[in-house]
């Protein structure tokens, strides 16, 4: 399991660390290419109708009644915002 240091996070989240987290942790359910698996696709197209704030909140709080866990205990709001932005922009492929 990847250990995150949210409590000691700097003002600017480490984008490279978050990219790695996205591929390794999120990819285990959403597919390593984020095109879907156990979880829904996380491609730019699949997230097009969701505001970045909604994506951030799902990352932080999970989706009750689904396997999507809350990451709030491990990620700061700025870190989740960066991940949501990377997903929405299609930066991660």
PDB file of N, CA and C in Angstrom:
ATOM      1  N   UNK A   1       0.848  -1.183   0.000  1.00  0.00           N
ATOM      2  CA  UNK A   1       0.000   0.000   0.000  1.00  0.00           C
ATOM      3  C   UNK A   1       0.888   1.239   0.000  1.00  0.00           C
ATOM      4  N   UNK A   2       0.519   2.191  -0.792  1.00  0.00           N
ATOM      5  CA  UNK A   2       1.262   3.440  -0.880  1.00  0.00           C
ATOM      6  C   UNK A   2       0.977   4.283   0.350  1.00  0.00           C
ATOM      7  N   UNK A   3       2.023   4.752   1.000  1.00  0.00           N
ATOM      8  CA  UNK A   3       1.859   5.578   2.189  1.00  0.00           C
ATOM      9  C   UNK A   3       1.847   7.034   1.758  1.00  0.00           C
ATOM     10  N   UNK A   4       0.840   7.754   2.178  1.00  0.00           N
ATOM     11  CA  UNK A   4       0.705   9.166   1.851  1.00  0.00           C
ATOM     12  C   UNK A   4       0.983   9.994   3.080  1.00  0.00           C
ATOM     13  N   UNK A   5       1.570  11.143   2.876  1.00  0.00           N
ATOM     14  CA  UNK A   5       1.905  12.018   4.000  1.00  0.00           C
ATOM     15  C   UNK A   5       1.106  13.300   3.913  1.00  0.00           C
ATOM     16  N   UNK A   6      -0.207  13.193   3.955  1.00  0.00           N
ATOM     17  CA  UNK A   6      -1.063  14.364   3.820  1.00  0.00           C
ATOM     18  C   UNK A   6      -0.840  15.374   4.932  1.00  0.00           C
ATOM     19  N   UNK A   7      -0.622  14.896   6.134  1.00  0.00           N
ATOM     20  CA  UNK A   7      -0.448  15.813   7.254  1.00  0.00           C
ATOM     21  C   UNK A   7       0.766  16.709   7.052  1.00  0.00           C
ATOM     22  N   UNK A   8       1.772  16.181   6.368  1.00  0.00           N
ATOM     23  CA  UNK A   8       2.984  16.950   6.142  1.00  0.00           C
ATOM     24  C   UNK A   8       3.036  17.499   4.723  1.00  0.00           C
ATOM     25  N   UNK A   9       1.906  17.476   4.032  1.00  0.00           N
ATOM     26  CA  UNK A   9       1.883  17.922   2.638  1.00  0.00           C
ATOM     27  C   UNK A   9       2.268  19.392   2.531  1.00  0.00           C
ATOM     28  N   UNK A  10       3.010  19.674   1.487  1.00  0.00           N
ATOM     29  CA  UNK A  10       3.390  21.062   1.250  1.00  0.00           C
ATOM     30  C   UNK A  10       2.207  21.807   0.648  1.00  0.00           C
ATOM     31  N   UNK A  11       2.367  23.105   0.464  1.00  0.00           N
ATOM     32  CA  UNK A  11       1.298  23.920  -0.105  1.00  0.00           C
ATOM     33  C   UNK A  11       0.942  23.459  -1.513  1.00  0.00           C
ATOM     34  N   UNK A  12       1.925  23.000  -2.253  1.00  0.00           N
ATOM     35  CA  UNK A  12       1.695  22.525  -3.627  1.00  0.00           C
ATOM     36  C   UNK A  12       1.830  21.008  -3.658  1.00  0.00           C
ATOM     37  N   UNK A  13       0.730  20.284  -3.958  1.00  0.00           N
ATOM     38  CA  UNK A  13       0.804  18.821  -4.002  1.00  0.00           C
ATOM     39  C   UNK A  13       1.816  18.331  -5.038  1.00  0.00           C
ATOM     40  N   UNK A  14       2.445  17.216  -4.747  1.00  0.00           N
ATOM     41  CA  UNK A  14       3.426  16.588  -5.621  1.00  0.00           C
ATOM     42  C   UNK A  14       2.695  15.858  -6.750  1.00  0.00           C
ATOM     43  N   UNK A  15       2.640  16.476  -7.911  1.00  0.00           N
ATOM     44  CA  UNK A  15       1.885  15.930  -9.048  1.00  0.00           C
ATOM     45  C   UNK A  15       2.409  14.570  -9.490  1.00  0.00           C
ATOM     46  N   UNK A  16       3.712  14.374  -9.482  1.00  0.00           N
ATOM     47  CA  UNK A  16       4.268  13.083  -9.909  1.00  0.00           C
ATOM     48  C   UNK A  16       3.858  11.963  -8.959  1.00  0.00           C
ATOM     49  N   UNK A  17       3.881  12.237  -7.669  1.00  0.00           N
ATOM     50  CA  UNK A  17       3.443  11.251  -6.675  1.00  0.00           C
ATOM     51  C   UNK A  17       1.965  10.943  -6.860  1.00  0.00           C
ATOM     52  N   UNK A  18       1.173  11.975  -7.141  1.00  0.00           N
ATOM     53  CA  UNK A  18      -0.262  11.778  -7.325  1.00  0.00           C
ATOM     54  C   UNK A  18      -0.555  11.027  -8.622  1.00  0.00           C
ATOM     55  N   UNK A  19       0.224  11.257  -9.671  1.00  0.00           N
ATOM     56  CA  UNK A  19       0.070  10.474 -10.912  1.00  0.00           C
ATOM     57  C   UNK A  19       0.336   9.004 -10.627  1.00  0.00           C
ATOM     58  N   UNK A  20       1.391   8.748  -9.879  1.00  0.00           N
ATOM     59  CA  UNK A  20       1.734   7.361  -9.526  1.00  0.00           C
ATOM     60  C   UNK A  20       0.596   6.732  -8.718  1.00  0.00           C
ATOM     61  N   UNK A  21       0.075   7.462  -7.758  1.00  0.00           N
ATOM     62  CA  UNK A  21      -1.051   6.988  -6.961  1.00  0.00           C
ATOM     63  C   UNK A  21      -2.245   6.665  -7.856  1.00  0.00           C
ATOM     64  N   UNK A  22      -2.532   7.557  -8.775  1.00  0.00           N
ATOM     65  CA  UNK A  22      -3.670   7.370  -9.672  1.00  0.00           C
ATOM     66  C   UNK A  22      -3.541   6.084 -10.464  1.00  0.00           C
ATOM     67  N   UNK A  23      -2.391   5.867 -11.064  1.00  0.00           N
ATOM     68  CA  UNK A  23      -2.199   4.675 -11.887  1.00  0.00           C
ATOM     69  C   UNK A  23      -2.210   3.409 -11.023  1.00  0.00           C
ATOM     70  N   UNK A  24      -1.495   3.417  -9.911  1.00  0.00           N
ATOM     71  CA  UNK A  24      -1.359   2.221  -9.094  1.00  0.00           C
ATOM     72  C   UNK A  24      -2.596   1.918  -8.247  1.00  0.00           C
ATOM     73  N   UNK A  25      -3.082   2.891  -7.538  1.00  0.00           N
ATOM     74  CA  UNK A  25      -4.197   2.654  -6.618  1.00  0.00           C
ATOM     75  C   UNK A  25      -5.546   2.708  -7.329  1.00  0.00           C
ATOM     76  N   UNK A  26      -5.790   3.771  -8.067  1.00  0.00           N
ATOM     77  CA  UNK A  26      -7.078   3.896  -8.764  1.00  0.00           C
ATOM     78  C   UNK A  26      -7.162   2.884  -9.903  1.00  0.00           C
ATOM     79  N   UNK A  27      -6.019   2.659 -10.558  1.00  0.00           N
ATOM     80  CA  UNK A  27      -5.973   1.720 -11.669  1.00  0.00           C
ATOM     81  C   UNK A  27      -6.298   0.296 -11.273  1.00  0.00           C
ATOM     82  N   UNK A  28      -6.127  -0.047 -10.002  1.00  0.00           N
ATOM     83  CA  UNK A  28      -6.435  -1.413  -9.577  1.00  0.00           C
ATOM     84  C   UNK A  28      -7.923  -1.724  -9.717  1.00  0.00           C
ATOM     85  N   UNK A  29      -8.777  -0.733  -9.636  1.00  0.00           N
ATOM     86  CA  UNK A  29     -10.222  -0.939  -9.840  1.00  0.00           C
ATOM     87  C   UNK A  29     -10.714  -0.356 -11.167  1.00  0.00           C
ATOM     88  N   UNK A  30     -10.161   0.778 -11.540  1.00  0.00           N
ATOM     89  CA  UNK A  30     -10.640   1.482 -12.732  1.00  0.00           C
ATOM     90  C   UNK A  30      -9.865   1.106 -13.988  1.00  0.00           C
ATOM     91  N   UNK A  31      -8.961   0.141 -13.872  1.00  0.00           N
ATOM     92  CA  UNK A  31      -8.146  -0.297 -14.994  1.00  0.00           C
ATOM     93  C   UNK A  31      -6.883   0.546 -15.089  1.00  0.00           C
ATOM     94  N   UNK A  32      -5.774  -0.096 -15.430  1.00  0.00           N
ATOM     95  CA  UNK A  32      -4.493   0.614 -15.474  1.00  0.00           C
ATOM     96  C   UNK A  32      -4.477   1.728 -16.516  1.00  0.00           C
ATOM     97  N   UNK A  33      -5.354   1.633 -17.515  1.00  0.00           N
ATOM     98  CA  UNK A  33      -5.476   2.719 -18.494  1.00  0.00           C
ATOM     99  C   UNK A  33      -6.652   3.624 -18.157  1.00  0.00           C
ATOM    100  N   UNK A  34      -7.289   3.349 -17.006  1.00  0.00           N
ATOM    101  CA  UNK A  34      -8.441   4.107 -16.497  1.00  0.00           C
ATOM    102  C   UNK A  34      -9.653   4.041 -17.420  1.00  0.00           C
ATOM    103  N   UNK A  35      -9.686   3.008 -18.262  1.00  0.00           N
ATOM    104  CA  UNK A  35     -10.817   2.818 -19.163  1.00  0.00           C
ATOM    105  C   UNK A  35     -11.925   1.964 -18.555  1.00  0.00           C
ATOM    106  N   UNK A  36     -11.809   1.656 -17.285  1.00  0.00           N
ATOM    107  CA  UNK A  36     -12.839   0.894 -16.596  1.00  0.00           C
ATOM    108  C   UNK A  36     -12.380  -0.499 -16.229  1.00  0.00           C
ATOM    109  N   UNK A  37     -13.015  -1.049 -15.262  1.00  0.00           N
ATOM    110  CA  UNK A  37     -12.735  -2.384 -14.733  1.00  0.00           C
ATOM    111  C   UNK A  37     -13.835  -2.662 -13.749  1.00  0.00           C
ATOM    112  N   UNK A  38     -13.487  -2.966 -12.505  1.00  0.00           N
ATOM    113  CA  UNK A  38     -14.498  -3.072 -11.453  1.00  0.00           C
ATOM    114  C   UNK A  38     -15.203  -1.723 -11.311  1.00  0.00           C
ATOM    115  N   UNK A  39     -14.408  -0.652 -11.378  1.00  0.00           N
ATOM    116  CA  UNK A  39     -14.952   0.706 -11.301  1.00  0.00           C
ATOM    117  C   UNK A  39     -15.186   1.292 -12.686  1.00  0.00           C
ATOM    118  N   UNK A  40     -15.907   2.364 -12.704  1.00  0.00           N
ATOM    119  CA  UNK A  40     -16.224   3.062 -13.961  1.00  0.00           C
ATOM    120  C   UNK A  40     -14.967   3.598 -14.638  1.00  0.00           C
ATOM    121  N   UNK A  41     -15.066   3.891 -15.940  1.00  0.00           N
ATOM    122  CA  UNK A  41     -13.952   4.550 -16.614  1.00  0.00           C
ATOM    123  C   UNK A  41     -13.700   5.927 -15.997  1.00  0.00           C
ATOM    124  N   UNK A  42     -12.436   6.321 -15.966  1.00  0.00           N
ATOM    125  CA  UNK A  42     -12.063   7.641 -15.448  1.00  0.00           C
ATOM    126  C   UNK A  42     -11.422   8.479 -16.543  1.00  0.00           C
ATOM    127  N   UNK A  43     -11.860   8.275 -17.762  1.00  0.00           N
ATOM    128  CA  UNK A  43     -11.332   9.038 -18.889  1.00  0.00           C
ATOM    129  C   UNK A  43     -11.951  10.433 -18.919  1.00  0.00           C
ATOM    130  N   UNK A  44     -11.312  11.314 -19.644  1.00  0.00           N
ATOM    131  CA  UNK A  44     -11.839  12.676 -19.793  1.00  0.00           C
ATOM    132  C   UNK A  44     -13.264  12.645 -20.335  1.00  0.00           C
ATOM    133  N   UNK A  45     -13.505  11.762 -21.294  1.00  0.00           N
ATOM    134  CA  UNK A  45     -14.833  11.658 -21.903  1.00  0.00           C
ATOM    135  C   UNK A  45     -15.866  11.164 -20.891  1.00  0.00           C
ATOM    136  N   UNK A  46     -15.493  10.169 -20.102  1.00  0.00           N
ATOM    137  CA  UNK A  46     -16.428   9.607 -19.119  1.00  0.00           C
ATOM    138  C   UNK A  46     -16.762  10.603 -18.008  1.00  0.00           C
ATOM    139  N   UNK A  47     -15.851  11.536 -17.748  1.00  0.00           N
ATOM    140  CA  UNK A  47     -16.057  12.515 -16.673  1.00  0.00           C
ATOM    141  C   UNK A  47     -16.507  13.880 -17.189  1.00  0.00           C
ATOM    142  N   UNK A  48     -16.745  13.990 -18.478  1.00  0.00           N
ATOM    143  CA  UNK A  48     -17.048  15.283 -19.101  1.00  0.00           C
ATOM    144  C   UNK A  48     -18.232  16.007 -18.464  1.00  0.00           C
ATOM    145  N   UNK A  49     -19.239  15.284 -18.019  1.00  0.00           N
ATOM    146  CA  UNK A  49     -20.448  15.918 -17.476  1.00  0.00           C
ATOM    147  C   UNK A  49     -20.389  16.158 -15.972  1.00  0.00           C
ATOM    148  N   UNK A  50     -19.264  15.837 -15.363  1.00  0.00           N
ATOM    149  CA  UNK A  50     -19.103  16.027 -13.917  1.00  0.00           C
ATOM    150  C   UNK A  50     -18.207  17.232 -13.656  1.00  0.00           C
ATOM    151  N   UNK A  51     -18.651  18.183 -12.854  1.00  0.00           N
ATOM    152  CA  UNK A  51     -17.762  19.291 -12.470  1.00  0.00           C
ATOM    153  C   UNK A  51     -16.558  18.747 -11.697  1.00  0.00           C
ATOM    154  N   UNK A  52     -15.443  19.425 -11.802  1.00  0.00           N
ATOM    155  CA  UNK A  52     -14.216  18.991 -11.125  1.00  0.00           C
ATOM    156  C   UNK A  52     -14.445  18.858  -9.617  1.00  0.00           C
ATOM    157  N   UNK A  53     -15.290  19.706  -9.045  1.00  0.00           N
ATOM    158  CA  UNK A  53     -15.587  19.635  -7.610  1.00  0.00           C
ATOM    159  C   UNK A  53     -16.304  18.325  -7.256  1.00  0.00           C
ATOM    160  N   UNK A  54     -17.164  17.860  -8.130  1.00  0.00           N
ATOM    161  CA  UNK A  54     -17.865  16.594  -7.899  1.00  0.00           C
ATOM    162  C   UNK A  54     -16.883  15.432  -7.930  1.00  0.00           C
ATOM    163  N   UNK A  55     -15.984  15.447  -8.905  1.00  0.00           N
ATOM    164  CA  UNK A  55     -14.967  14.399  -8.998  1.00  0.00           C
ATOM    165  C   UNK A  55     -14.097  14.417  -7.743  1.00  0.00           C
ATOM    166  N   UNK A  56     -13.680  15.607  -7.319  1.00  0.00           N
ATOM    167  CA  UNK A  56     -12.877  15.752  -6.092  1.00  0.00           C
ATOM    168  C   UNK A  56     -13.617  15.176  -4.890  1.00  0.00           C
ATOM    169  N   UNK A  57     -14.889  15.497  -4.753  1.00  0.00           N
ATOM    170  CA  UNK A  57     -15.668  15.040  -3.607  1.00  0.00           C
ATOM    171  C   UNK A  57     -15.860  13.523  -3.618  1.00  0.00           C
ATOM    172  N   UNK A  58     -16.014  12.938  -4.799  1.00  0.00           N
ATOM    173  CA  UNK A  58     -16.127  11.480  -4.892  1.00  0.00           C
ATOM    174  C   UNK A  58     -14.814  10.833  -4.472  1.00  0.00           C
ATOM    175  N   UNK A  59     -13.693  11.420  -4.894  1.00  0.00           N
ATOM    176  CA  UNK A  59     -12.387  10.908  -4.473  1.00  0.00           C
ATOM    177  C   UNK A  59     -12.285  10.957  -2.950  1.00  0.00           C
ATOM    178  N   UNK A  60     -12.655  12.067  -2.372  1.00  0.00           N
ATOM    179  CA  UNK A  60     -12.516  12.246  -0.923  1.00  0.00           C
ATOM    180  C   UNK A  60     -13.499  11.404  -0.114  1.00  0.00           C
ATOM    181  N   UNK A  61     -14.745  11.315  -0.565  1.00  0.00           N
ATOM    182  CA  UNK A  61     -15.796  10.704   0.251  1.00  0.00           C
ATOM    183  C   UNK A  61     -16.292   9.361  -0.252  1.00  0.00           C
ATOM    184  N   UNK A  62     -15.797   8.908  -1.402  1.00  0.00           N
ATOM    185  CA  UNK A  62     -16.246   7.641  -1.961  1.00  0.00           C
ATOM    186  C   UNK A  62     -17.689   7.717  -2.438  1.00  0.00           C
ATOM    187  N   UNK A  63     -18.225   6.574  -2.817  1.00  0.00           N
ATOM    188  CA  UNK A  63     -19.620   6.474  -3.235  1.00  0.00           C
ATOM    189  C   UNK A  63     -20.296   5.391  -2.397  1.00  0.00           C
ATOM    190  N   UNK A  64     -21.133   5.790  -1.444  1.00  0.00           N
ATOM    191  CA  UNK A  64     -21.813   4.799  -0.601  1.00  0.00           C
ATOM    192  C   UNK A  64     -22.566   3.767  -1.450  1.00  0.00           C
ATOM    193  N   UNK A  65     -22.507   2.532  -1.016  1.00  0.00           N
ATOM    194  CA  UNK A  65     -23.203   1.462  -1.722  1.00  0.00           C
ATOM    195  C   UNK A  65     -22.435   0.911  -2.909  1.00  0.00           C
ATOM    196  N   UNK A  66     -21.209   1.397  -3.112  1.00  0.00           N
ATOM    197  CA  UNK A  66     -20.354   0.915  -4.195  1.00  0.00           C
ATOM    198  C   UNK A  66     -18.989   0.560  -3.600  1.00  0.00           C
ATOM    199  N   UNK A  67     -18.134  -0.094  -4.373  1.00  0.00           N
ATOM    200  CA  UNK A  67     -16.782  -0.388  -3.867  1.00  0.00           C
ATOM    201  C   UNK A  67     -15.867   0.838  -3.780  1.00  0.00           C
ATOM    202  N   UNK A  68     -16.316   2.016  -4.261  1.00  0.00           N
ATOM    203  CA  UNK A  68     -15.468   3.210  -4.241  1.00  0.00           C
ATOM    204  C   UNK A  68     -15.287   3.698  -2.807  1.00  0.00           C
ATOM    205  N   UNK A  69     -14.042   3.557  -2.278  1.00  0.00           N
ATOM    206  CA  UNK A  69     -13.793   3.952  -0.885  1.00  0.00           C
ATOM    207  C   UNK A  69     -13.515   5.446  -0.751  1.00  0.00           C
ATOM    208  N   UNK A  70     -13.689   5.977   0.439  1.00  0.00           N
ATOM    209  CA  UNK A  70     -13.291   7.364   0.679  1.00  0.00           C
ATOM    210  C   UNK A  70     -11.777   7.443   0.853  1.00  0.00           C
ATOM    211  N   UNK A  71     -11.170   8.419   0.209  1.00  0.00           N
ATOM    212  CA  UNK A  71      -9.725   8.629   0.325  1.00  0.00           C
ATOM    213  C   UNK A  71      -9.400   9.803   1.241  1.00  0.00           C
ATOM    214  N   UNK A  72     -10.424  10.409   1.842  1.00  0.00           N
ATOM    215  CA  UNK A  72     -10.198  11.562   2.725  1.00  0.00           C
ATOM    216  C   UNK A  72      -9.196  11.282   3.846  1.00  0.00           C
ATOM    217  N   UNK A  73      -9.176  10.074   4.416  1.00  0.00           N
ATOM    218  CA  UNK A  73      -8.184   9.824   5.464  1.00  0.00           C
ATOM    219  C   UNK A  73      -6.736   9.845   4.953  1.00  0.00           C
ATOM    220  N   UNK A  74      -6.552   9.704   3.639  1.00  0.00           N
ATOM    221  CA  UNK A  74      -5.210   9.597   3.072  1.00  0.00           C
ATOM    222  C   UNK A  74      -4.804  10.764   2.190  1.00  0.00           C
ATOM    223  N   UNK A  75      -5.771  11.533   1.721  1.00  0.00           N
ATOM    224  CA  UNK A  75      -5.495  12.642   0.803  1.00  0.00           C
ATOM    225  C   UNK A  75      -6.019  13.953   1.365  1.00  0.00           C
ATOM    226  N   UNK A  76      -5.301  15.017   1.108  1.00  0.00           N
ATOM    227  CA  UNK A  76      -5.788  16.350   1.469  1.00  0.00           C
ATOM    228  C   UNK A  76      -6.746  16.836   0.379  1.00  0.00           C
ATOM    229  N   UNK A  77      -7.490  17.865   0.675  1.00  0.00           N
ATOM    230  CA  UNK A  77      -8.383  18.459  -0.327  1.00  0.00           C
ATOM    231  C   UNK A  77      -7.576  18.950  -1.526  1.00  0.00           C
ATOM    232  N   UNK A  78      -6.435  19.649  -1.338  1.00  0.00           N
ATOM    233  CA  UNK A  78      -5.644  20.064  -2.512  1.00  0.00           C
ATOM    234  C   UNK A  78      -5.141  18.879  -3.344  1.00  0.00           C
ATOM    235  N   UNK A  79      -4.761  17.786  -2.693  1.00  0.00           N
ATOM    236  CA  UNK A  79      -4.305  16.610  -3.441  1.00  0.00           C
ATOM    237  C   UNK A  79      -5.445  16.014  -4.262  1.00  0.00           C
ATOM    238  N   UNK A  80      -6.617  15.876  -3.648  1.00  0.00           N
ATOM    239  CA  UNK A  80      -7.780  15.345  -4.368  1.00  0.00           C
ATOM    240  C   UNK A  80      -8.175  16.274  -5.508  1.00  0.00           C
ATOM    241  N   UNK A  81      -8.018  17.573  -5.315  1.00  0.00           N
ATOM    242  CA  UNK A  81      -8.326  18.540  -6.381  1.00  0.00           C
ATOM    243  C   UNK A  81      -7.383  18.377  -7.561  1.00  0.00           C
ATOM    244  N   UNK A  82      -6.115  18.143  -7.279  1.00  0.00           N
ATOM    245  CA  UNK A  82      -5.138  17.928  -8.358  1.00  0.00           C
ATOM    246  C   UNK A  82      -5.480  16.647  -9.113  1.00  0.00           C
ATOM    247  N   UNK A  83      -5.806  15.582  -8.405  1.00  0.00           N
ATOM    248  CA  UNK A  83      -6.176  14.324  -9.061  1.00  0.00           C
ATOM    249  C   UNK A  83      -7.411  14.529  -9.929  1.00  0.00           C
ATOM    250  N   UNK A  84      -8.418  15.202  -9.397  1.00  0.00           N
ATOM    251  CA  UNK A  84      -9.644  15.462 -10.160  1.00  0.00           C
ATOM    252  C   UNK A  84      -9.326  16.270 -11.415  1.00  0.00           C
ATOM    253  N   UNK A  85      -8.469  17.263 -11.286  1.00  0.00           N
ATOM    254  CA  UNK A  85      -8.079  18.080 -12.433  1.00  0.00           C
ATOM    255  C   UNK A  85      -7.327  17.245 -13.476  1.00  0.00           C
ATOM    256  N   UNK A  86      -6.426  16.381 -13.023  1.00  0.00           N
ATOM    257  CA  UNK A  86      -5.696  15.522 -13.959  1.00  0.00           C
ATOM    258  C   UNK A  86      -6.644  14.600 -14.713  1.00  0.00           C
ATOM    259  N   UNK A  87      -7.626  14.043 -14.012  1.00  0.00           N
ATOM    260  CA  UNK A  87      -8.597  13.178 -14.658  1.00  0.00           C
ATOM    261  C   UNK A  87      -9.445  13.949 -15.652  1.00  0.00           C
ATOM    262  N   UNK A  88      -9.969  15.095 -15.219  1.00  0.00           N
ATOM    263  CA  UNK A  88     -10.843  15.898 -16.086  1.00  0.00           C
ATOM    264  C   UNK A  88     -10.121  16.398 -17.331  1.00  0.00           C
ATOM    265  N   UNK A  89      -8.825  16.696 -17.197  1.00  0.00           N
ATOM    266  CA  UNK A  89      -8.068  17.222 -18.340  1.00  0.00           C
ATOM    267  C   UNK A  89      -7.577  16.126 -19.265  1.00  0.00           C
ATOM    268  N   UNK A  90      -7.652  14.877 -18.824  1.00  0.00           N
ATOM    269  CA  UNK A  90      -7.125  13.788 -19.634  1.00  0.00           C
ATOM    270  C   UNK A  90      -5.621  13.647 -19.535  1.00  0.00           C
ATOM    271  N   UNK A  91      -5.026  14.293 -18.540  1.00  0.00           N
ATOM    272  CA  UNK A  91      -3.568  14.270 -18.363  1.00  0.00           C
ATOM    273  C   UNK A  91      -3.054  12.848 -18.122  1.00  0.00           C
ATOM    274  N   UNK A  92      -3.847  12.015 -17.498  1.00  0.00           N
ATOM    275  CA  UNK A  92      -3.468  10.633 -17.215  1.00  0.00           C
ATOM    276  C   UNK A  92      -4.089   9.739 -18.267  1.00  0.00           C
ATOM    277  N   UNK A  93      -3.258   8.961 -18.910  1.00  0.00           N
ATOM    278  CA  UNK A  93      -3.725   8.012 -19.949  1.00  0.00           C
ATOM    279  C   UNK A  93      -3.196   6.649 -19.656  1.00  0.00           C
TER     280      UNK A  93
END
